[in-house]
Amino acid sequence: MARIARAFFMINRVRQKFRPPICQVFESPVHLAAFGGGVGLSPVAPGTFGTLAAIPFWFLLSWLSLEAYAISVSILFLLGCWVCGRSAKLIGVSDYRGIVFDEMIGFLVTATPLLDVLHWRSGPLWAWLLVAFILFRIFDIAKPPPIGWFDRNVHGGLGIMLDDTIAAVPAGALLAIALRVFH
């Protein structure tokens, strides 16, 4: 575990050497979207803040049917591939840690099983959102196989989006299991 934490720290230290000017982020719609409306500018844990920023979007989309939710998240994923790739190219850093659109989509994928919570009682919704948040952050930060492979080997906007989306799948599966166990 210490090895993982040390590697995570070193990767983030290298990525953090460059910091785009705040005005650049707020003047460009591409950067504004990629940086999650500005939350990616946080000097500490921008991915965590990006994940938190996804919660209001989950509430907005949660009233859709499962099919409409899946289509909406898929469209946002495709948009994210372009937005994140373009933003990374414009600032000249392949996967800058302040680009958090990928964390936002990852959380939306992880929280998909929570759509059922709106229709039946299985505990307070805020507690399940917290569980979804924690599970996604664990998988996103630790990047167990094959997530880490995708993070290292797939580049561009697709690479930025893909590792977080793949991390969301086991996180969402564990969330679904927990919902069934505690229902």
N, C-alpha and C. Protein backbone atom coordinates (compact mmCIF):
# COMPACT_ATOMS: atom_id res chain seq x y z
N MET A 1 0.82 -1.19 0.00
CA MET A 1 0.00 0.00 0.00
C MET A 1 0.87 1.26 0.00
N ALA A 2 1.97 1.20 0.76
CA ALA A 2 2.87 2.36 0.80
C ALA A 2 3.48 2.62 -0.57
N ARG A 3 3.76 1.54 -1.33
CA ARG A 3 4.30 1.69 -2.68
C ARG A 3 3.32 2.41 -3.59
N ILE A 4 2.06 2.05 -3.47
CA ILE A 4 1.03 2.69 -4.29
C ILE A 4 0.92 4.17 -3.94
N ALA A 5 0.91 4.47 -2.65
CA ALA A 5 0.80 5.87 -2.22
C ALA A 5 2.01 6.68 -2.70
N ARG A 6 3.21 6.10 -2.60
CA ARG A 6 4.42 6.79 -3.02
C ARG A 6 4.39 7.05 -4.53
N ALA A 7 3.98 6.03 -5.30
CA ALA A 7 3.90 6.18 -6.76
C ALA A 7 2.87 7.24 -7.13
N PHE A 8 1.72 7.22 -6.46
CA PHE A 8 0.68 8.21 -6.71
C PHE A 8 1.20 9.61 -6.43
N PHE A 9 1.93 9.77 -5.31
CA PHE A 9 2.48 11.07 -4.94
C PHE A 9 3.47 11.56 -5.99
N MET A 10 4.34 10.68 -6.46
CA MET A 10 5.35 11.07 -7.45
C MET A 10 4.71 11.46 -8.78
N ILE A 11 3.74 10.69 -9.23
CA ILE A 11 3.05 11.00 -10.48
C ILE A 11 2.38 12.36 -10.39
N ASN A 12 1.69 12.60 -9.29
CA ASN A 12 0.99 13.88 -9.13
C ASN A 12 1.96 15.04 -8.98
N ARG A 13 3.12 14.80 -8.37
CA ARG A 13 4.12 15.86 -8.23
C ARG A 13 4.65 16.28 -9.61
N VAL A 14 4.89 15.29 -10.46
CA VAL A 14 5.38 15.59 -11.81
C VAL A 14 4.30 16.33 -12.60
N ARG A 15 3.06 15.86 -12.51
CA ARG A 15 1.97 16.49 -13.25
C ARG A 15 1.68 17.90 -12.75
N GLN A 16 1.97 18.18 -11.48
CA GLN A 16 1.61 19.46 -10.88
C GLN A 16 2.63 20.55 -11.16
N LYS A 17 3.79 20.23 -11.71
CA LYS A 17 4.81 21.25 -11.95
C LYS A 17 4.26 22.37 -12.82
N PHE A 18 3.43 22.03 -13.78
CA PHE A 18 2.82 23.04 -14.64
C PHE A 18 1.45 23.37 -14.09
N ARG A 19 1.11 24.64 -14.06
CA ARG A 19 -0.22 25.06 -13.64
C ARG A 19 -0.70 26.13 -14.60
N PRO A 20 -1.80 25.85 -15.34
CA PRO A 20 -2.29 26.85 -16.29
C PRO A 20 -2.81 28.08 -15.56
N PRO A 21 -2.68 29.23 -16.18
CA PRO A 21 -3.23 30.44 -15.55
C PRO A 21 -4.75 30.32 -15.35
N ILE A 22 -5.21 30.80 -14.22
CA ILE A 22 -6.65 30.71 -13.90
C ILE A 22 -7.49 31.39 -14.98
N CYS A 23 -7.01 32.52 -15.47
CA CYS A 23 -7.79 33.23 -16.50
C CYS A 23 -7.91 32.38 -17.76
N GLN A 24 -6.89 31.58 -18.07
CA GLN A 24 -6.96 30.70 -19.25
C GLN A 24 -8.09 29.68 -19.11
N VAL A 25 -8.26 29.16 -17.90
CA VAL A 25 -9.30 28.16 -17.66
C VAL A 25 -10.69 28.80 -17.77
N PHE A 26 -10.86 29.98 -17.20
CA PHE A 26 -12.18 30.61 -17.19
C PHE A 26 -12.53 31.31 -18.50
N GLU A 27 -11.56 31.56 -19.36
CA GLU A 27 -11.85 32.21 -20.63
C GLU A 27 -12.17 31.23 -21.75
N SER A 28 -11.86 29.97 -21.56
CA SER A 28 -12.07 28.97 -22.61
C SER A 28 -13.17 27.99 -22.20
N PRO A 29 -14.23 27.86 -23.00
CA PRO A 29 -15.28 26.88 -22.67
C PRO A 29 -14.74 25.45 -22.60
N VAL A 30 -13.74 25.14 -23.43
CA VAL A 30 -13.15 23.79 -23.41
C VAL A 30 -12.47 23.55 -22.07
N HIS A 31 -11.62 24.49 -21.64
CA HIS A 31 -10.95 24.33 -20.34
C HIS A 31 -11.96 24.35 -19.20
N LEU A 32 -12.94 25.21 -19.29
CA LEU A 32 -13.94 25.32 -18.23
C LEU A 32 -14.66 23.98 -18.02
N ALA A 33 -15.02 23.34 -19.12
CA ALA A 33 -15.67 22.02 -19.01
C ALA A 33 -14.69 20.98 -18.50
N ALA A 34 -13.48 20.95 -19.07
CA ALA A 34 -12.49 19.94 -18.67
C ALA A 34 -12.11 20.08 -17.20
N PHE A 35 -12.06 21.32 -16.71
CA PHE A 35 -11.70 21.58 -15.32
C PHE A 35 -12.92 21.57 -14.40
N GLY A 36 -14.04 21.04 -14.87
CA GLY A 36 -15.23 20.89 -14.04
C GLY A 36 -15.76 22.21 -13.51
N GLY A 37 -15.77 23.22 -14.36
CA GLY A 37 -16.27 24.52 -13.94
C GLY A 37 -15.29 25.28 -13.06
N GLY A 38 -14.07 24.77 -12.94
CA GLY A 38 -13.04 25.42 -12.15
C GLY A 38 -12.59 24.63 -10.94
N VAL A 39 -13.33 23.59 -10.56
CA VAL A 39 -12.94 22.81 -9.37
C VAL A 39 -11.60 22.10 -9.58
N GLY A 40 -11.23 21.85 -10.82
CA GLY A 40 -9.95 21.21 -11.10
C GLY A 40 -8.76 22.10 -10.80
N LEU A 41 -9.01 23.36 -10.54
CA LEU A 41 -7.93 24.28 -10.18
C LEU A 41 -7.52 24.14 -8.72
N SER A 42 -8.23 23.34 -7.95
CA SER A 42 -7.88 23.14 -6.55
C SER A 42 -6.43 22.66 -6.45
N PRO A 43 -5.64 23.30 -5.59
CA PRO A 43 -4.25 22.88 -5.45
C PRO A 43 -4.10 21.54 -4.72
N VAL A 44 -5.15 21.13 -4.04
CA VAL A 44 -5.13 19.87 -3.30
C VAL A 44 -6.27 18.99 -3.79
N ALA A 45 -5.97 17.77 -4.17
CA ALA A 45 -6.95 16.75 -4.54
C ALA A 45 -7.99 17.22 -5.56
N PRO A 46 -7.57 17.71 -6.73
CA PRO A 46 -8.56 18.17 -7.71
C PRO A 46 -9.48 17.05 -8.18
N GLY A 47 -8.99 15.82 -8.26
CA GLY A 47 -9.84 14.71 -8.68
C GLY A 47 -10.96 14.45 -7.69
N THR A 48 -10.65 14.60 -6.42
CA THR A 48 -11.67 14.43 -5.37
C THR A 48 -12.73 15.52 -5.48
N PHE A 49 -12.28 16.76 -5.70
CA PHE A 49 -13.24 17.85 -5.87
C PHE A 49 -14.05 17.70 -7.16
N GLY A 50 -13.41 17.16 -8.20
CA GLY A 50 -14.13 16.90 -9.45
C GLY A 50 -15.21 15.85 -9.25
N THR A 51 -14.90 14.84 -8.44
CA THR A 51 -15.89 13.81 -8.15
C THR A 51 -17.05 14.40 -7.36
N LEU A 52 -16.75 15.26 -6.39
CA LEU A 52 -17.82 15.93 -5.63
C LEU A 52 -18.68 16.80 -6.54
N ALA A 53 -18.05 17.43 -7.51
CA ALA A 53 -18.80 18.30 -8.43
C ALA A 53 -19.77 17.51 -9.30
N ALA A 54 -19.57 16.21 -9.41
CA ALA A 54 -20.46 15.38 -10.22
C ALA A 54 -21.79 15.08 -9.52
N ILE A 55 -21.83 15.21 -8.21
CA ILE A 55 -23.05 14.85 -7.46
C ILE A 55 -24.27 15.66 -7.90
N PRO A 56 -24.17 16.99 -8.06
CA PRO A 56 -25.35 17.71 -8.56
C PRO A 56 -25.79 17.25 -9.94
N PHE A 57 -24.84 16.87 -10.80
CA PHE A 57 -25.20 16.36 -12.12
C PHE A 57 -25.91 15.02 -12.01
N TRP A 58 -25.50 14.21 -11.02
CA TRP A 58 -26.19 12.93 -10.81
C TRP A 58 -27.65 13.21 -10.43
N PHE A 59 -27.87 14.18 -9.56
CA PHE A 59 -29.25 14.52 -9.17
C PHE A 59 -30.06 14.99 -10.38
N LEU A 60 -29.46 15.78 -11.24
CA LEU A 60 -30.16 16.24 -12.44
C LEU A 60 -30.53 15.08 -13.36
N LEU A 61 -29.61 14.14 -13.52
CA LEU A 61 -29.85 13.02 -14.44
C LEU A 61 -30.63 11.87 -13.80
N SER A 62 -30.69 11.84 -12.48
CA SER A 62 -31.29 10.69 -11.79
C SER A 62 -32.79 10.55 -12.04
N TRP A 63 -33.42 11.58 -12.52
CA TRP A 63 -34.85 11.50 -12.76
C TRP A 63 -35.18 10.89 -14.12
N LEU A 64 -34.14 10.64 -14.91
CA LEU A 64 -34.34 10.00 -16.21
C LEU A 64 -34.54 8.51 -16.04
N SER A 65 -35.10 7.87 -17.05
CA SER A 65 -35.17 6.41 -17.03
C SER A 65 -33.75 5.88 -17.13
N LEU A 66 -33.56 4.61 -16.80
CA LEU A 66 -32.23 4.00 -16.88
C LEU A 66 -31.65 4.11 -18.28
N GLU A 67 -32.49 3.89 -19.29
CA GLU A 67 -32.02 3.97 -20.68
C GLU A 67 -31.58 5.39 -21.03
N ALA A 68 -32.39 6.38 -20.66
CA ALA A 68 -32.06 7.78 -20.95
C ALA A 68 -30.81 8.21 -20.17
N TYR A 69 -30.68 7.73 -18.94
CA TYR A 69 -29.50 8.02 -18.13
C TYR A 69 -28.25 7.45 -18.81
N ALA A 70 -28.33 6.20 -19.25
CA ALA A 70 -27.19 5.56 -19.91
C ALA A 70 -26.81 6.28 -21.20
N ILE A 71 -27.80 6.69 -21.97
CA ILE A 71 -27.53 7.42 -23.21
C ILE A 71 -26.89 8.77 -22.89
N SER A 72 -27.41 9.46 -21.88
CA SER A 72 -26.86 10.77 -21.49
C SER A 72 -25.41 10.65 -21.03
N VAL A 73 -25.12 9.66 -20.20
CA VAL A 73 -23.75 9.47 -19.71
C VAL A 73 -22.84 9.06 -20.86
N SER A 74 -23.34 8.26 -21.79
CA SER A 74 -22.54 7.87 -22.96
C SER A 74 -22.20 9.09 -23.82
N ILE A 75 -23.16 9.96 -24.02
CA ILE A 75 -22.92 11.18 -24.79
C ILE A 75 -21.90 12.06 -24.07
N LEU A 76 -22.05 12.17 -22.75
CA LEU A 76 -21.09 12.96 -21.96
C LEU A 76 -19.69 12.34 -22.03
N PHE A 77 -19.61 11.00 -22.06
CA PHE A 77 -18.31 10.34 -22.21
C PHE A 77 -17.66 10.73 -23.53
N LEU A 78 -18.43 10.66 -24.61
CA LEU A 78 -17.89 11.02 -25.92
C LEU A 78 -17.49 12.50 -25.96
N LEU A 79 -18.32 13.36 -25.40
CA LEU A 79 -17.98 14.77 -25.31
C LEU A 79 -16.70 14.95 -24.50
N GLY A 80 -16.59 14.20 -23.41
CA GLY A 80 -15.42 14.27 -22.54
C GLY A 80 -14.14 13.86 -23.25
N CYS A 81 -14.23 12.86 -24.13
CA CYS A 81 -13.05 12.47 -24.90
C CYS A 81 -12.52 13.65 -25.69
N TRP A 82 -13.41 14.38 -26.31
CA TRP A 82 -12.99 15.53 -27.10
C TRP A 82 -12.53 16.68 -26.20
N VAL A 83 -13.32 17.02 -25.20
CA VAL A 83 -13.02 18.15 -24.32
C VAL A 83 -11.70 17.94 -23.58
N CYS A 84 -11.52 16.77 -22.98
CA CYS A 84 -10.30 16.50 -22.22
C CYS A 84 -9.09 16.45 -23.12
N GLY A 85 -9.23 15.82 -24.29
CA GLY A 85 -8.12 15.75 -25.23
C GLY A 85 -7.73 17.13 -25.73
N ARG A 86 -8.71 17.93 -26.05
CA ARG A 86 -8.45 19.28 -26.56
C ARG A 86 -7.82 20.15 -25.47
N SER A 87 -8.34 20.09 -24.26
CA SER A 87 -7.80 20.88 -23.16
C SER A 87 -6.36 20.47 -22.86
N ALA A 88 -6.11 19.18 -22.81
CA ALA A 88 -4.74 18.70 -22.56
C ALA A 88 -3.78 19.18 -23.64
N LYS A 89 -4.24 19.14 -24.88
CA LYS A 89 -3.41 19.59 -26.00
C LYS A 89 -3.13 21.09 -25.90
N LEU A 90 -4.15 21.87 -25.55
CA LEU A 90 -3.99 23.32 -25.45
C LEU A 90 -3.02 23.73 -24.34
N ILE A 91 -3.05 23.01 -23.21
CA ILE A 91 -2.14 23.37 -22.12
C ILE A 91 -0.80 22.65 -22.22
N GLY A 92 -0.72 21.65 -23.11
CA GLY A 92 0.55 20.99 -23.35
C GLY A 92 0.94 19.93 -22.34
N VAL A 93 -0.02 19.43 -21.58
CA VAL A 93 0.23 18.36 -20.61
C VAL A 93 -0.75 17.24 -20.92
N SER A 94 -0.23 16.02 -21.14
CA SER A 94 -1.07 14.94 -21.66
C SER A 94 -2.25 14.56 -20.76
N ASP A 95 -2.06 14.52 -19.46
CA ASP A 95 -3.16 14.18 -18.55
C ASP A 95 -3.00 15.01 -17.29
N TYR A 96 -3.21 16.30 -17.44
CA TYR A 96 -3.05 17.22 -16.31
C TYR A 96 -4.07 16.89 -15.23
N ARG A 97 -3.63 16.87 -13.99
CA ARG A 97 -4.50 16.45 -12.89
C ARG A 97 -5.68 17.37 -12.65
N GLY A 98 -5.63 18.60 -13.14
CA GLY A 98 -6.75 19.53 -12.99
C GLY A 98 -7.90 19.25 -13.94
N ILE A 99 -7.65 18.42 -14.95
CA ILE A 99 -8.73 18.00 -15.86
C ILE A 99 -9.55 16.96 -15.12
N VAL A 100 -10.76 17.34 -14.72
CA VAL A 100 -11.58 16.48 -13.85
C VAL A 100 -12.89 16.03 -14.48
N PHE A 101 -13.11 16.35 -15.75
CA PHE A 101 -14.33 15.91 -16.42
C PHE A 101 -14.42 14.39 -16.38
N ASP A 102 -13.27 13.72 -16.46
CA ASP A 102 -13.23 12.25 -16.42
C ASP A 102 -13.69 11.71 -15.07
N GLU A 103 -13.32 12.38 -13.98
CA GLU A 103 -13.80 11.95 -12.66
C GLU A 103 -15.30 12.14 -12.55
N MET A 104 -15.80 13.21 -13.14
CA MET A 104 -17.24 13.47 -13.08
C MET A 104 -18.02 12.36 -13.78
N ILE A 105 -17.56 11.96 -14.95
CA ILE A 105 -18.25 10.89 -15.69
C ILE A 105 -18.06 9.56 -14.96
N GLY A 106 -16.86 9.34 -14.42
CA GLY A 106 -16.62 8.13 -13.65
C GLY A 106 -17.59 8.00 -12.48
N PHE A 107 -17.84 9.10 -11.78
CA PHE A 107 -18.80 9.04 -10.68
C PHE A 107 -20.20 8.75 -11.19
N LEU A 108 -20.59 9.35 -12.31
CA LEU A 108 -21.93 9.09 -12.85
C LEU A 108 -22.11 7.62 -13.20
N VAL A 109 -21.05 7.00 -13.71
CA VAL A 109 -21.11 5.56 -14.02
C VAL A 109 -21.20 4.76 -12.72
N THR A 110 -20.35 5.09 -11.75
CA THR A 110 -20.37 4.38 -10.47
C THR A 110 -21.74 4.47 -9.81
N ALA A 111 -22.36 5.64 -9.87
CA ALA A 111 -23.62 5.88 -9.16
C ALA A 111 -24.85 5.37 -9.90
N THR A 112 -24.68 4.74 -11.03
CA THR A 112 -25.83 4.22 -11.78
C THR A 112 -26.73 3.33 -10.93
N PRO A 113 -26.20 2.40 -10.11
CA PRO A 113 -27.11 1.58 -9.29
C PRO A 113 -27.97 2.39 -8.32
N LEU A 114 -27.57 3.61 -8.03
CA LEU A 114 -28.35 4.42 -7.09
C LEU A 114 -29.66 4.92 -7.68
N LEU A 115 -29.84 4.76 -8.98
CA LEU A 115 -31.11 5.15 -9.59
C LEU A 115 -32.26 4.37 -8.96
N ASP A 116 -32.00 3.13 -8.55
CA ASP A 116 -33.02 2.33 -7.88
C ASP A 116 -33.36 2.85 -6.49
N VAL A 117 -32.39 3.48 -5.82
CA VAL A 117 -32.61 3.95 -4.46
C VAL A 117 -33.73 4.98 -4.41
N LEU A 118 -33.91 5.69 -5.51
CA LEU A 118 -34.98 6.69 -5.57
C LEU A 118 -36.36 6.04 -5.53
N HIS A 119 -36.43 4.76 -5.88
CA HIS A 119 -37.73 4.09 -6.00
C HIS A 119 -38.05 3.17 -4.83
N TRP A 120 -37.07 2.83 -4.01
CA TRP A 120 -37.33 2.00 -2.85
C TRP A 120 -36.42 2.42 -1.71
N ARG A 121 -36.85 2.13 -0.52
CA ARG A 121 -36.10 2.55 0.67
C ARG A 121 -35.02 1.54 1.01
N SER A 122 -33.78 1.98 1.02
CA SER A 122 -32.68 1.11 1.43
C SER A 122 -31.67 1.93 2.22
N GLY A 123 -32.15 2.88 2.98
CA GLY A 123 -31.28 3.76 3.74
C GLY A 123 -31.28 5.14 3.12
N PRO A 124 -30.66 6.08 3.79
CA PRO A 124 -30.66 7.45 3.27
C PRO A 124 -29.80 7.56 2.00
N LEU A 125 -30.32 8.31 1.05
CA LEU A 125 -29.63 8.48 -0.23
C LEU A 125 -28.24 9.07 -0.05
N TRP A 126 -28.10 10.03 0.86
CA TRP A 126 -26.80 10.67 1.06
C TRP A 126 -25.73 9.65 1.46
N ALA A 127 -26.13 8.64 2.25
CA ALA A 127 -25.17 7.62 2.67
C ALA A 127 -24.71 6.78 1.48
N TRP A 128 -25.65 6.47 0.58
CA TRP A 128 -25.29 5.69 -0.61
C TRP A 128 -24.44 6.51 -1.57
N LEU A 129 -24.71 7.81 -1.66
CA LEU A 129 -23.86 8.68 -2.48
C LEU A 129 -22.45 8.73 -1.92
N LEU A 130 -22.33 8.74 -0.60
CA LEU A 130 -21.02 8.71 0.04
C LEU A 130 -20.29 7.40 -0.26
N VAL A 131 -21.01 6.29 -0.20
CA VAL A 131 -20.40 4.99 -0.52
C VAL A 131 -19.94 4.98 -1.98
N ALA A 132 -20.76 5.49 -2.89
CA ALA A 132 -20.38 5.56 -4.31
C ALA A 132 -19.14 6.42 -4.48
N PHE A 133 -19.10 7.55 -3.82
CA PHE A 133 -17.96 8.46 -3.88
C PHE A 133 -16.69 7.76 -3.41
N ILE A 134 -16.75 7.12 -2.26
CA ILE A 134 -15.57 6.44 -1.69
C ILE A 134 -15.11 5.30 -2.58
N LEU A 135 -16.04 4.46 -3.04
CA LEU A 135 -15.66 3.35 -3.91
C LEU A 135 -14.99 3.84 -5.20
N PHE A 136 -15.57 4.86 -5.81
CA PHE A 136 -14.97 5.37 -7.05
C PHE A 136 -13.58 5.93 -6.79
N ARG A 137 -13.41 6.72 -5.73
CA ARG A 137 -12.09 7.30 -5.46
C ARG A 137 -11.05 6.22 -5.18
N ILE A 138 -11.45 5.16 -4.49
CA ILE A 138 -10.50 4.06 -4.22
C ILE A 138 -10.01 3.45 -5.53
N PHE A 139 -10.94 3.10 -6.42
CA PHE A 139 -10.54 2.47 -7.68
C PHE A 139 -9.81 3.46 -8.60
N ASP A 140 -10.20 4.72 -8.57
CA ASP A 140 -9.56 5.72 -9.43
C ASP A 140 -8.13 6.00 -8.97
N ILE A 141 -7.91 6.06 -7.68
CA ILE A 141 -6.57 6.35 -7.16
C ILE A 141 -5.67 5.12 -7.23
N ALA A 142 -6.16 3.96 -6.79
CA ALA A 142 -5.33 2.75 -6.75
C ALA A 142 -5.03 2.20 -8.14
N LYS A 143 -5.98 2.35 -9.06
CA LYS A 143 -5.84 1.86 -10.44
C LYS A 143 -5.35 0.41 -10.49
N PRO A 144 -6.10 -0.52 -9.88
CA PRO A 144 -5.70 -1.93 -9.98
C PRO A 144 -5.83 -2.41 -11.42
N PRO A 145 -5.14 -3.52 -11.77
CA PRO A 145 -5.24 -4.03 -13.14
C PRO A 145 -6.70 -4.32 -13.49
N PRO A 146 -7.12 -4.05 -14.67
CA PRO A 146 -6.42 -3.52 -15.83
C PRO A 146 -6.48 -1.99 -15.93
N ILE A 147 -7.02 -1.31 -14.92
CA ILE A 147 -7.21 0.13 -14.98
C ILE A 147 -5.88 0.85 -15.21
N GLY A 148 -4.86 0.46 -14.45
CA GLY A 148 -3.55 1.08 -14.57
C GLY A 148 -2.96 0.91 -15.97
N TRP A 149 -3.20 -0.25 -16.59
CA TRP A 149 -2.69 -0.48 -17.94
C TRP A 149 -3.30 0.54 -18.91
N PHE A 150 -4.60 0.74 -18.82
CA PHE A 150 -5.25 1.71 -19.69
C PHE A 150 -4.73 3.12 -19.42
N ASP A 151 -4.50 3.44 -18.15
CA ASP A 151 -3.99 4.76 -17.79
C ASP A 151 -2.61 5.01 -18.41
N ARG A 152 -1.77 3.99 -18.44
CA ARG A 152 -0.41 4.14 -18.98
C ARG A 152 -0.33 4.02 -20.49
N ASN A 153 -1.23 3.27 -21.12
CA ASN A 153 -1.07 2.92 -22.52
C ASN A 153 -2.05 3.54 -23.51
N VAL A 154 -3.14 4.09 -23.03
CA VAL A 154 -4.09 4.74 -23.94
C VAL A 154 -3.98 6.24 -23.70
N HIS A 155 -3.73 6.99 -24.76
CA HIS A 155 -3.43 8.41 -24.61
C HIS A 155 -4.51 9.27 -25.26
N GLY A 156 -4.34 10.57 -25.13
CA GLY A 156 -5.29 11.50 -25.70
C GLY A 156 -6.55 11.59 -24.85
N GLY A 157 -7.57 12.18 -25.42
CA GLY A 157 -8.83 12.35 -24.71
C GLY A 157 -9.46 11.02 -24.31
N LEU A 158 -9.36 10.02 -25.21
CA LEU A 158 -9.91 8.70 -24.88
C LEU A 158 -9.19 8.12 -23.67
N GLY A 159 -7.87 8.25 -23.63
CA GLY A 159 -7.10 7.73 -22.50
C GLY A 159 -7.45 8.41 -21.19
N ILE A 160 -7.64 9.73 -21.26
CA ILE A 160 -8.01 10.49 -20.05
C ILE A 160 -9.35 9.98 -19.51
N MET A 161 -10.29 9.77 -20.40
CA MET A 161 -11.64 9.35 -19.99
C MET A 161 -11.72 7.87 -19.63
N LEU A 162 -10.98 7.04 -20.35
CA LEU A 162 -11.17 5.59 -20.26
C LEU A 162 -10.80 5.01 -18.91
N ASP A 163 -9.66 5.39 -18.34
CA ASP A 163 -9.26 4.78 -17.08
C ASP A 163 -10.25 5.07 -15.96
N ASP A 164 -10.81 6.28 -15.94
CA ASP A 164 -11.79 6.60 -14.91
C ASP A 164 -13.11 5.86 -15.14
N THR A 165 -13.49 5.72 -16.38
CA THR A 165 -14.73 5.00 -16.68
C THR A 165 -14.58 3.52 -16.35
N ILE A 166 -13.41 2.96 -16.65
CA ILE A 166 -13.17 1.56 -16.31
C ILE A 166 -13.11 1.39 -14.79
N ALA A 167 -12.52 2.35 -14.08
CA ALA A 167 -12.47 2.30 -12.61
C ALA A 167 -13.88 2.35 -12.02
N ALA A 168 -14.79 3.01 -12.73
CA ALA A 168 -16.16 3.13 -12.24
C ALA A 168 -16.94 1.82 -12.31
N VAL A 169 -16.54 0.92 -13.20
CA VAL A 169 -17.29 -0.33 -13.37
C VAL A 169 -17.22 -1.21 -12.13
N PRO A 170 -16.03 -1.58 -11.61
CA PRO A 170 -16.01 -2.38 -10.39
C PRO A 170 -16.55 -1.63 -9.18
N ALA A 171 -16.33 -0.31 -9.14
CA ALA A 171 -16.88 0.49 -8.04
C ALA A 171 -18.41 0.42 -8.07
N GLY A 172 -18.99 0.58 -9.25
CA GLY A 172 -20.44 0.48 -9.39
C GLY A 172 -20.97 -0.91 -9.10
N ALA A 173 -20.20 -1.93 -9.49
CA ALA A 173 -20.61 -3.31 -9.21
C ALA A 173 -20.63 -3.57 -7.69
N LEU A 174 -19.62 -3.10 -6.99
CA LEU A 174 -19.61 -3.27 -5.53
C LEU A 174 -20.74 -2.48 -4.89
N LEU A 175 -21.03 -1.32 -5.42
CA LEU A 175 -22.15 -0.53 -4.92
C LEU A 175 -23.47 -1.28 -5.13
N ALA A 176 -23.64 -1.87 -6.30
CA ALA A 176 -24.86 -2.64 -6.59
C ALA A 176 -25.00 -3.82 -5.64
N ILE A 177 -23.89 -4.50 -5.37
CA ILE A 177 -23.92 -5.63 -4.43
C ILE A 177 -24.31 -5.16 -3.04
N ALA A 178 -23.70 -4.05 -2.61
CA ALA A 178 -24.03 -3.50 -1.28
C ALA A 178 -25.50 -3.10 -1.20
N LEU A 179 -26.03 -2.53 -2.26
CA LEU A 179 -27.45 -2.16 -2.27
C LEU A 179 -28.34 -3.39 -2.13
N ARG A 180 -27.97 -4.47 -2.80
CA ARG A 180 -28.77 -5.70 -2.71
C ARG A 180 -28.67 -6.34 -1.33
N VAL A 181 -27.48 -6.32 -0.76
CA VAL A 181 -27.26 -6.92 0.57
C VAL A 181 -28.03 -6.15 1.64
N PHE A 182 -28.00 -4.83 1.56
CA PHE A 182 -28.61 -4.01 2.62
C PHE A 182 -30.03 -3.57 2.31
N HIS A 183 -30.62 -4.08 1.23
CA HIS A 183 -31.99 -3.74 0.88
C HIS A 183 -32.93 -4.56 1.73
